[in-house]
Protein backbone atom coordinates (compact mmCIF):
# COMPACT_ATOMS: atom_id res chain seq x y z
CA UNK A 1 -48.84 42.62 7.52
CA UNK A 2 -47.92 39.69 9.96
CA UNK A 3 -48.06 37.50 7.15
CA UNK A 4 -45.77 39.37 4.68
CA UNK A 5 -43.38 39.79 8.21
CA UNK A 6 -43.61 36.12 8.19
CA UNK A 7 -42.63 35.78 4.36
CA UNK A 8 -39.73 38.24 4.33
CA UNK A 9 -38.62 36.22 7.55
CA UNK A 10 -38.80 32.93 5.53
CA UNK A 11 -37.11 34.28 1.97
CA UNK A 12 -33.78 35.70 4.62
CA UNK A 13 -33.63 32.44 6.12
CA UNK A 14 -33.37 30.33 3.37
CA UNK A 15 -31.18 32.78 1.67
CA UNK A 16 -28.69 32.32 4.65
CA UNK A 17 -29.45 28.61 4.02
CA UNK A 18 -28.42 29.09 0.57
CA UNK A 19 -25.10 31.37 0.12
CA UNK A 20 -24.06 28.63 3.41
CA UNK A 21 -24.42 25.55 1.68
CA UNK A 22 -22.89 27.35 -1.49
CA UNK A 23 -19.85 28.41 0.66
CA UNK A 24 -19.15 25.25 2.37
CA UNK A 25 -16.04 22.88 0.99
CA UNK A 26 -16.75 19.73 -0.91
CA UNK A 27 -16.43 17.26 2.24
CA UNK A 28 -14.47 14.41 -0.04
CA UNK A 29 -10.88 14.40 -1.27
CA UNK A 30 -8.50 12.28 -3.29
CA UNK A 31 -5.52 9.76 -1.67
CA UNK A 32 -2.56 8.86 -3.34
CA UNK A 33 -1.99 4.96 -3.10
CA UNK A 34 0.93 2.72 -3.77
CA UNK A 35 0.81 -1.20 -3.60
CA UNK A 36 2.80 -3.42 -3.26
CA UNK A 37 0.49 -6.90 -3.78
CA UNK A 38 2.15 -10.74 -3.84
CA UNK A 39 -0.50 -13.29 -5.20
CA UNK A 40 -0.14 -17.05 -5.90
CA UNK A 41 -2.45 -20.38 -6.22
CA UNK A 42 -4.36 -23.12 -7.77
CA UNK A 43 -7.78 -22.43 -8.42
CA UNK A 44 -7.98 -20.89 -5.15
CA UNK A 45 -5.82 -17.28 -4.75
CA UNK A 46 -4.46 -15.83 -1.62
CA UNK A 47 -2.50 -13.20 -1.50
CA UNK A 48 -1.35 -9.46 0.84
CA UNK A 49 0.59 -7.05 0.45
CA UNK A 50 1.17 -3.22 2.11
CA UNK A 51 1.31 -0.06 1.00
CA UNK A 52 0.98 3.30 2.07
CA UNK A 53 -1.88 6.63 1.42
CA UNK A 54 -0.38 10.31 1.11
CA UNK A 55 -3.53 12.01 2.00
CA UNK A 56 -3.69 15.35 3.37
CA UNK A 57 0.31 16.09 3.02
CA UNK A 58 0.95 12.99 5.74
CA UNK A 59 1.65 9.14 5.32
CA UNK A 60 -0.77 6.13 6.46
CA UNK A 61 0.69 2.51 5.76
CA UNK A 62 -1.90 -0.21 5.60
CA UNK A 63 -2.17 -3.74 5.25
CA UNK A 64 -4.19 -5.44 1.82
CA UNK A 65 -4.84 -8.69 1.92
CA UNK A 66 -7.54 -10.84 -1.08
CA UNK A 67 -8.48 -14.40 -1.80
CA UNK A 68 -9.91 -14.76 -4.73
CA UNK A 69 -12.74 -17.92 -6.07
CA UNK A 70 -12.27 -19.50 -9.77
CA UNK A 71 -9.44 -20.07 -12.27
CA UNK A 72 -6.78 -19.34 -10.93
CA UNK A 73 -3.18 -20.62 -10.90
CA UNK A 74 0.81 -19.51 -10.91
CA UNK A 75 2.16 -16.20 -8.43
CA UNK A 76 3.05 -12.52 -9.24
CA UNK A 77 3.36 -9.62 -7.73
CA UNK A 78 1.58 -6.13 -8.61
CA UNK A 79 3.47 -2.72 -7.78
CA UNK A 80 0.35 -0.94 -7.92
CA UNK A 81 0.34 3.10 -7.83
CA UNK A 82 -2.94 5.15 -8.30
CA UNK A 83 -5.86 6.92 -5.98
CA UNK A 84 -8.36 6.99 -3.39
CA UNK A 85 -11.23 9.17 -4.53
CA UNK A 86 -14.13 9.93 -2.23
CA UNK A 87 -11.70 10.34 0.94
CA UNK A 88 -12.82 12.18 3.79
CA UNK A 89 -10.07 10.78 6.65
CA UNK A 90 -7.43 8.17 6.32
CA UNK A 91 -9.65 5.64 7.66
CA UNK A 92 -12.31 5.86 5.44
CA UNK A 93 -9.23 3.50 3.12
CA UNK A 94 -9.93 0.48 5.26
CA UNK A 95 -12.47 -2.03 3.90
CA UNK A 96 -13.55 -4.98 1.83
CA UNK A 97 -13.69 -4.13 -1.70
CA UNK A 98 -14.93 -6.62 -4.12
CA UNK A 99 -13.35 -7.87 -7.04
CA UNK A 100 -13.94 -9.87 -10.70
CA UNK A 101 -12.14 -9.80 -13.80
CA UNK A 102 -8.87 -11.49 -15.63
CA UNK A 103 -5.62 -10.91 -16.06
CA UNK A 104 -2.46 -13.02 -16.35
CA UNK A 105 1.74 -12.29 -16.64
CA UNK A 106 4.63 -14.07 -17.89
CA UNK A 107 7.62 -12.56 -16.45
CA UNK A 108 6.14 -9.41 -16.71
CA UNK A 109 3.09 -7.71 -18.02
CA UNK A 110 0.10 -4.99 -16.52
CA UNK A 111 -2.87 -4.56 -13.91
CA UNK A 112 -5.12 -2.04 -13.70
CA UNK A 113 -8.23 -2.30 -11.25
CA UNK A 114 -11.32 -0.68 -9.87
CA UNK A 115 -12.41 -1.06 -6.42
CA UNK A 116 -14.71 0.53 -4.37
CA UNK A 117 -15.57 -0.80 -0.17
CA UNK A 118 -19.01 0.19 1.77
CA UNK A 119 -17.20 3.45 2.74
CA UNK A 120 -17.88 5.02 -1.03
CA UNK A 121 -14.45 4.49 -1.30
CA UNK A 122 -13.40 4.11 -4.95
CA UNK A 123 -9.60 3.02 -5.90
CA UNK A 124 -8.01 3.28 -9.11
CA UNK A 125 -5.19 1.37 -9.33
CA UNK A 126 -2.81 0.40 -11.70
CA UNK A 127 0.57 -1.08 -12.50
CA UNK A 128 2.96 -3.81 -13.88
CA UNK A 129 3.01 -7.15 -12.83
CA UNK A 130 6.15 -9.89 -13.03
CA UNK A 131 5.76 -13.50 -12.20
CA UNK A 132 3.62 -16.29 -13.65
CA UNK A 133 0.04 -16.01 -13.51
CA UNK A 134 -2.41 -16.84 -15.12
CA UNK A 135 -6.66 -15.80 -13.44
CA UNK A 136 -10.01 -15.93 -14.30
CA UNK A 137 -11.63 -15.38 -11.01
CA UNK A 138 -14.07 -13.44 -8.30
CA UNK A 139 -12.89 -12.42 -5.17
CA UNK A 140 -12.28 -9.35 -2.70
CA UNK A 141 -9.05 -7.34 -0.84
CA UNK A 142 -9.65 -6.27 2.92
CA UNK A 143 -7.68 -3.56 3.72
CA UNK A 144 -6.40 -2.80 7.11
CA UNK A 145 -4.69 0.80 8.38
CA UNK A 146 -1.47 0.58 10.64
């Protein structure tokens, strides 16, 4: 009889836990991001800019700085727009993002990038690039909330 009662309690607790987990909403959310990033260099490229994260209806400004090493020559400005995935709070956007790839602009072009930081936030950005720049470099960017 005692064994039957224990089993019933375990089954009831399991049912409560299962329904509580099923009723819990997914914690990670998506935010909208816009960034203006200017880059220039010869061999070593450096850049910086600023942007805004729109998350849960509020605007959160941030700064972006970065460096790349490899083949880089010229200068360009890119106006990125896109989204930040896996956000739990606006501060999750901050951190270092590794990047690698090739791109270029002659008067005008397009650029796109997908980056991820240690918080698990994934940035998917694209936008027009203006300037005269060619690159095949590996580098990274750092985002700091203002």
